[in-house]
Amino acid sequence: MVQGKTLQDTFNIDTGCNQFVVLNTKHIEGQEIDTTNASYGKGAVNGGFRSAFAIPADIIKIGELYATSQNMHVTFDNYWPGGLLGTRTMENFIVLLDLINYDLYLKKIE
């Protein structure tokens, strides 16, 4: 949730991504998201640098679990077709990988 608006997608967990969440700019089209105070910069993607901007997220929710942080940011980039969950979001959970059955279990850190 960003600025009170829900942005929903299917996400890939990217352990090489040190961001909280990376979304395509299509997620904010028509949502009236205010980017006036967004922080603009460049991020490393696939060996190159891409222009991107970041805005704070109210809540990042995965299933019934959620993470909130006043410093949490969503980085929008028009390069990625879907969404990426980076390691900064996953730091809010205990993550268990079952590599036999290929299941992922998340538990909120209390």
Protein backbone atom coordinates (compact mmCIF):
# COMPACT_ATOMS: atom_id res chain seq x y z
CA MET A 1 0.00 0.00 0.00
CA VAL A 2 1.38 3.36 -1.07
CA GLN A 3 -0.26 6.64 -0.07
CA GLY A 4 -3.35 4.69 0.97
CA LYS A 5 -3.68 2.98 -2.42
CA THR A 6 -3.29 -0.77 -2.90
CA LEU A 7 -0.85 -1.83 -5.61
CA GLN A 8 -1.17 -5.55 -6.24
CA ASP A 9 0.88 -7.94 -8.35
CA THR A 10 2.56 -11.32 -8.45
CA PHE A 11 6.10 -10.99 -7.12
CA ASN A 12 9.33 -12.87 -7.50
CA ILE A 13 11.60 -13.05 -4.47
CA ASP A 14 14.96 -11.69 -5.59
CA THR A 15 17.74 -12.41 -3.11
CA GLY A 16 20.09 -10.33 -5.25
CA CYS A 17 17.90 -7.25 -4.92
CA ASN A 18 18.75 -5.08 -1.91
CA GLN A 19 15.58 -2.99 -2.27
CA PHE A 20 12.30 -3.49 -0.44
CA VAL A 21 10.08 -3.84 -3.50
CA VAL A 22 10.64 -3.08 -7.17
CA LEU A 23 7.53 -2.41 -9.23
CA ASN A 24 6.93 -1.47 -12.82
CA THR A 25 5.72 2.10 -13.32
CA LYS A 26 2.47 0.65 -14.72
CA HIS A 27 1.43 0.11 -11.07
CA ILE A 28 0.98 3.81 -10.45
CA GLU A 29 -0.67 4.78 -13.72
CA GLY A 30 -4.14 6.10 -12.97
CA GLN A 31 -3.61 5.68 -9.20
CA GLU A 32 -2.95 9.38 -8.50
CA ILE A 33 0.25 8.57 -6.61
CA ASP A 34 2.08 11.79 -5.73
CA THR A 35 5.69 11.53 -6.86
CA THR A 36 6.55 15.18 -6.13
CA ASN A 37 8.75 14.28 -3.15
CA ALA A 38 10.06 11.02 -4.57
CA SER A 39 13.79 10.42 -4.39
CA TYR A 40 15.25 10.03 -7.87
CA GLY A 41 18.44 8.24 -8.75
CA LYS A 42 20.00 5.33 -10.56
CA GLY A 43 19.99 1.67 -9.61
CA ALA A 44 22.15 -1.21 -10.81
CA VAL A 45 20.15 -3.68 -12.88
CA ASN A 46 21.65 -6.54 -14.90
CA GLY A 47 25.09 -4.95 -14.87
CA GLY A 48 23.89 -1.50 -15.93
CA PHE A 49 22.37 1.54 -14.30
CA ARG A 50 18.73 2.53 -14.79
CA SER A 51 16.88 5.65 -13.78
CA ALA A 52 14.38 5.01 -11.00
CA PHE A 53 12.54 6.77 -8.21
CA ALA A 54 11.52 5.64 -4.76
CA ILE A 55 8.56 6.53 -2.56
CA PRO A 56 7.69 5.30 0.94
CA ALA A 57 5.31 2.37 1.33
CA ASP A 58 2.63 2.37 4.01
CA ILE A 59 2.48 -1.44 4.24
CA ILE A 60 3.99 -4.33 2.31
CA LYS A 61 1.72 -7.34 2.69
CA ILE A 62 2.48 -10.94 1.69
CA GLY A 63 -0.56 -13.15 2.19
CA GLU A 64 -1.75 -12.41 5.72
CA LEU A 65 1.69 -11.21 6.86
CA TYR A 66 2.80 -7.63 6.57
CA ALA A 67 5.75 -5.38 7.22
CA THR A 68 5.65 -1.68 8.00
CA SER A 69 8.48 0.77 8.39
CA GLN A 70 8.78 4.51 8.11
CA ASN A 71 11.91 3.95 6.03
CA MET A 72 10.43 1.32 3.72
CA HIS A 73 10.47 2.34 0.06
CA VAL A 74 9.00 1.03 -3.15
CA THR A 75 11.22 1.64 -6.16
CA PHE A 76 9.37 2.00 -9.46
CA ASP A 77 11.11 1.02 -12.65
CA ASN A 78 9.62 0.56 -16.12
CA TYR A 79 12.09 -2.26 -16.88
CA TRP A 80 10.60 -5.08 -14.79
CA PRO A 81 7.38 -6.59 -16.20
CA GLY A 82 6.23 -7.79 -12.78
CA GLY A 83 7.31 -7.14 -9.23
CA LEU A 84 10.34 -8.10 -7.17
CA LEU A 85 10.52 -8.57 -3.41
CA GLY A 86 14.01 -7.70 -2.30
CA THR A 87 16.00 -8.71 0.74
CA ARG A 88 15.04 -5.59 2.70
CA THR A 89 11.40 -6.75 2.80
CA MET A 90 12.35 -10.33 3.59
CA GLU A 91 14.41 -9.12 6.60
CA ASN A 92 11.05 -8.59 8.33
CA PHE A 93 10.27 -12.32 8.30
CA ILE A 94 11.74 -15.66 9.24
CA VAL A 95 12.08 -17.34 5.85
CA LEU A 96 12.11 -21.13 5.51
CA LEU A 97 12.80 -22.75 2.16
CA ASP A 98 11.75 -26.35 1.64
CA LEU A 99 13.99 -27.30 -1.28
CA ILE A 100 12.56 -30.81 -1.46
CA ASN A 101 8.96 -29.71 -2.08
CA TYR A 102 9.86 -26.22 -3.34
CA ASP A 103 7.75 -24.44 -0.73
CA LEU A 104 8.46 -21.13 0.97
CA TYR A 105 7.25 -20.44 4.49
CA LEU A 106 7.20 -17.01 6.09
CA LYS A 107 6.78 -16.21 9.76
CA LYS A 108 6.53 -12.70 11.17
CA ILE A 109 9.40 -11.81 13.48
CA GLU A 110 7.82 -10.85 16.80
